[in-house]
Amino acid sequence: MRISGVDYILYTKKDLLDFFDAFELKLKDIWKEFYKESDFEEDVYNVFYAADKITFEEMEQQGFFLNGHHEGPFYIIFDALYAETERQITLVLPAPRETSAFCERIFQLVNEVCCGGSGN
């Protein structure tokens, strides 16, 4: 797989389960159903999200992209041991949030869940 996305770093005091439960509930406002692949290595939880498995498989071939509906797969890396009281979230989007309404919406959703909507 080619990694070609745009990275954004955010920080949260939420634990892994609280963050992902809240995030996935809100993600259903965008995609009623979605496809995800995840793994957990050395206290880092990696999750790829896509609208469906076909989109995920396309991402494995061509890297991050926006489809004809201007949506695309994205990736969240949750570092549970970043600091004693804080966790680091790396959000990888298929395009800069300034040029994609979808990417901006995903960024704002993650920001709202991890930070209560404050900050950029």
C-alpha atoms as a PDB file:
ATOM      1  CA  MET A   1       0.000   0.000   0.000  1.00  0.00           C
ATOM      2  CA  ARG A   2       1.133   3.500  -0.818  1.00  0.00           C
ATOM      3  CA  ILE A   3       0.649   6.005   2.025  1.00  0.00           C
ATOM      4  CA  SER A   4      -0.308   9.282   0.427  1.00  0.00           C
ATOM      5  CA  GLY A   5      -2.563  11.059   2.896  1.00  0.00           C
ATOM      6  CA  VAL A   6      -2.313  14.294   4.836  1.00  0.00           C
ATOM      7  CA  ASP A   7      -1.502  13.956   8.566  1.00  0.00           C
ATOM      8  CA  TYR A   8      -3.042  15.946  11.413  1.00  0.00           C
ATOM      9  CA  ILE A   9      -2.008  15.504  15.061  1.00  0.00           C
ATOM     10  CA  LEU A  10      -4.478  15.981  17.917  1.00  0.00           C
ATOM     11  CA  TYR A  11      -4.306  15.221  21.638  1.00  0.00           C
ATOM     12  CA  THR A  12      -6.901  13.879  24.032  1.00  0.00           C
ATOM     13  CA  LYS A  13      -7.305  12.877  27.644  1.00  0.00           C
ATOM     14  CA  LYS A  14      -9.875  10.233  26.637  1.00  0.00           C
ATOM     15  CA  ASP A  15      -8.998   6.589  26.796  1.00  0.00           C
ATOM     16  CA  LEU A  16      -9.034   4.441  23.694  1.00  0.00           C
ATOM     17  CA  LEU A  17     -12.474   2.876  24.162  1.00  0.00           C
ATOM     18  CA  ASP A  18     -14.196   6.149  25.054  1.00  0.00           C
ATOM     19  CA  PHE A  19     -12.679   7.886  22.045  1.00  0.00           C
ATOM     20  CA  PHE A  20     -13.527   5.202  19.472  1.00  0.00           C
ATOM     21  CA  ASP A  21     -17.025   4.533  20.847  1.00  0.00           C
ATOM     22  CA  ALA A  22     -17.878   8.234  20.593  1.00  0.00           C
ATOM     23  CA  PHE A  23     -16.129   8.666  17.240  1.00  0.00           C
ATOM     24  CA  GLU A  24     -17.831   5.715  15.559  1.00  0.00           C
ATOM     25  CA  LEU A  25     -21.230   6.808  16.834  1.00  0.00           C
ATOM     26  CA  LYS A  26     -20.693  10.236  15.235  1.00  0.00           C
ATOM     27  CA  LEU A  27     -19.222   8.716  12.057  1.00  0.00           C
ATOM     28  CA  LYS A  28     -22.615   7.060  11.481  1.00  0.00           C
ATOM     29  CA  ASP A  29     -23.974  10.569  10.797  1.00  0.00           C
ATOM     30  CA  ILE A  30     -21.761  10.546   7.684  1.00  0.00           C
ATOM     31  CA  TRP A  31     -21.776   6.843   6.794  1.00  0.00           C
ATOM     32  CA  LYS A  32     -24.692   4.831   8.222  1.00  0.00           C
ATOM     33  CA  GLU A  33     -22.533   1.758   7.735  1.00  0.00           C
ATOM     34  CA  PHE A  34     -18.790   1.747   7.255  1.00  0.00           C
ATOM     35  CA  TYR A  35     -15.936  -0.673   6.834  1.00  0.00           C
ATOM     36  CA  LYS A  36     -12.948  -0.703   9.160  1.00  0.00           C
ATOM     37  CA  GLU A  37      -9.752  -2.654   9.590  1.00  0.00           C
ATOM     38  CA  SER A  38      -7.813  -2.320  12.814  1.00  0.00           C
ATOM     39  CA  ASP A  39      -4.832  -3.667  14.692  1.00  0.00           C
ATOM     40  CA  PHE A  40      -3.249  -3.052  18.061  1.00  0.00           C
ATOM     41  CA  GLU A  41       0.521  -3.052  18.421  1.00  0.00           C
ATOM     42  CA  GLU A  42       2.620  -1.840  21.349  1.00  0.00           C
ATOM     43  CA  ASP A  43      -0.137   0.345  22.837  1.00  0.00           C
ATOM     44  CA  VAL A  44      -0.887   1.939  19.461  1.00  0.00           C
ATOM     45  CA  TYR A  45      -4.297   1.285  17.920  1.00  0.00           C
ATOM     46  CA  ASN A  46      -4.429   1.677  14.126  1.00  0.00           C
ATOM     47  CA  VAL A  47      -7.776   1.913  12.337  1.00  0.00           C
ATOM     48  CA  PHE A  48      -8.544   2.383   8.646  1.00  0.00           C
ATOM     49  CA  TYR A  49     -12.080   3.556   7.849  1.00  0.00           C
ATOM     50  CA  ALA A  50     -13.831   3.466   4.492  1.00  0.00           C
ATOM     51  CA  ALA A  51     -17.405   3.638   3.266  1.00  0.00           C
ATOM     52  CA  ASP A  52     -17.172  -0.008   2.211  1.00  0.00           C
ATOM     53  CA  LYS A  53     -14.734  -2.861   1.666  1.00  0.00           C
ATOM     54  CA  ILE A  54     -14.334  -2.072  -2.050  1.00  0.00           C
ATOM     55  CA  THR A  55     -13.132   1.443  -1.205  1.00  0.00           C
ATOM     56  CA  PHE A  56     -10.731  -0.002   1.355  1.00  0.00           C
ATOM     57  CA  GLU A  57      -9.318  -2.412  -1.222  1.00  0.00           C
ATOM     58  CA  GLU A  58      -8.902   0.447  -3.723  1.00  0.00           C
ATOM     59  CA  MET A  59      -6.958   2.353  -1.068  1.00  0.00           C
ATOM     60  CA  GLU A  60      -4.628  -0.609  -0.624  1.00  0.00           C
ATOM     61  CA  GLN A  61      -3.839  -0.385  -4.357  1.00  0.00           C
ATOM     62  CA  GLN A  62      -3.646   3.371  -4.936  1.00  0.00           C
ATOM     63  CA  GLY A  63      -3.218   5.006  -1.531  1.00  0.00           C
ATOM     64  CA  PHE A  64      -5.588   7.563  -0.062  1.00  0.00           C
ATOM     65  CA  PHE A  65      -8.004   9.148  -2.546  1.00  0.00           C
ATOM     66  CA  LEU A  66     -11.305  10.971  -2.906  1.00  0.00           C
ATOM     67  CA  ASN A  67     -13.954   9.203  -4.979  1.00  0.00           C
ATOM     68  CA  GLY A  68     -16.603  10.674  -7.286  1.00  0.00           C
ATOM     69  CA  HIS A  69     -18.665  11.646  -4.233  1.00  0.00           C
ATOM     70  CA  HIS A  70     -15.641  13.562  -2.860  1.00  0.00           C
ATOM     71  CA  GLU A  71     -15.281  11.092   0.013  1.00  0.00           C
ATOM     72  CA  GLY A  72     -12.489   8.674   0.762  1.00  0.00           C
ATOM     73  CA  PRO A  73     -10.855   6.338   3.240  1.00  0.00           C
ATOM     74  CA  PHE A  74      -8.967   7.685   6.236  1.00  0.00           C
ATOM     75  CA  TYR A  75      -6.749   6.374   9.011  1.00  0.00           C
ATOM     76  CA  ILE A  76      -6.571   7.023  12.759  1.00  0.00           C
ATOM     77  CA  ILE A  77      -3.523   6.129  14.849  1.00  0.00           C
ATOM     78  CA  PHE A  78      -4.238   6.290  18.595  1.00  0.00           C
ATOM     79  CA  ASP A  79      -1.101   6.277  20.760  1.00  0.00           C
ATOM     80  CA  ALA A  80      -2.348   5.262  24.208  1.00  0.00           C
ATOM     81  CA  LEU A  81       1.049   5.766  25.881  1.00  0.00           C
ATOM     82  CA  TYR A  82       2.049   9.096  24.344  1.00  0.00           C
ATOM     83  CA  ALA A  83       2.165  10.787  27.771  1.00  0.00           C
ATOM     84  CA  GLU A  84       1.005  10.019  31.283  1.00  0.00           C
ATOM     85  CA  THR A  85      -2.142  12.149  31.040  1.00  0.00           C
ATOM     86  CA  GLU A  86      -2.517  12.613  27.299  1.00  0.00           C
ATOM     87  CA  ARG A  87      -2.933  10.445  24.219  1.00  0.00           C
ATOM     88  CA  GLN A  88      -1.833  11.379  20.712  1.00  0.00           C
ATOM     89  CA  ILE A  89      -4.115  10.892  17.734  1.00  0.00           C
ATOM     90  CA  THR A  90      -2.766  11.016  14.201  1.00  0.00           C
ATOM     91  CA  LEU A  91      -5.516  11.483  11.644  1.00  0.00           C
ATOM     92  CA  VAL A  92      -4.550  10.725   8.041  1.00  0.00           C
ATOM     93  CA  LEU A  93      -6.984  12.176   5.517  1.00  0.00           C
ATOM     94  CA  PRO A  94      -7.080  11.639   1.749  1.00  0.00           C
ATOM     95  CA  ALA A  95      -6.757  15.379   1.004  1.00  0.00           C
ATOM     96  CA  PRO A  96      -6.010  18.623   2.864  1.00  0.00           C
ATOM     97  CA  ARG A  97      -8.994  19.644   4.959  1.00  0.00           C
ATOM     98  CA  GLU A  98      -8.817  23.138   3.451  1.00  0.00           C
ATOM     99  CA  THR A  99      -9.595  21.725  -0.010  1.00  0.00           C
ATOM    100  CA  SER A 100     -12.132  19.019   0.858  1.00  0.00           C
ATOM    101  CA  ALA A 101     -15.439  19.455   2.678  1.00  0.00           C
ATOM    102  CA  PHE A 102     -15.407  15.733   3.516  1.00  0.00           C
ATOM    103  CA  CYS A 103     -11.916  15.899   5.032  1.00  0.00           C
ATOM    104  CA  GLU A 104     -12.849  19.011   7.002  1.00  0.00           C
ATOM    105  CA  ARG A 105     -15.936  17.227   8.313  1.00  0.00           C
ATOM    106  CA  ILE A 106     -13.914  14.187   9.431  1.00  0.00           C
ATOM    107  CA  PHE A 107     -11.299  16.443  11.062  1.00  0.00           C
ATOM    108  CA  GLN A 108     -14.003  18.380  12.937  1.00  0.00           C
ATOM    109  CA  LEU A 109     -15.632  15.136  14.048  1.00  0.00           C
ATOM    110  CA  VAL A 110     -12.347  13.800  15.475  1.00  0.00           C
ATOM    111  CA  ASN A 111     -11.594  17.185  17.036  1.00  0.00           C
ATOM    112  CA  GLU A 112     -15.026  17.328  18.656  1.00  0.00           C
ATOM    113  CA  VAL A 113     -14.682  13.838  20.131  1.00  0.00           C
ATOM    114  CA  CYS A 114     -11.119  14.207  21.401  1.00  0.00           C
ATOM    115  CA  CYS A 115     -11.054  17.858  22.356  1.00  0.00           C
ATOM    116  CA  GLY A 116     -14.652  18.961  22.719  1.00  0.00           C
ATOM    117  CA  GLY A 117     -14.353  20.944  19.480  1.00  0.00           C
ATOM    118  CA  SER A 118     -11.681  23.373  20.654  1.00  0.00           C
ATOM    119  CA  GLY A 119      -8.540  24.048  18.679  1.00  0.00           C
ATOM    120  CA  ASN A 120      -7.485  23.438  15.100  1.00  0.00           C
END
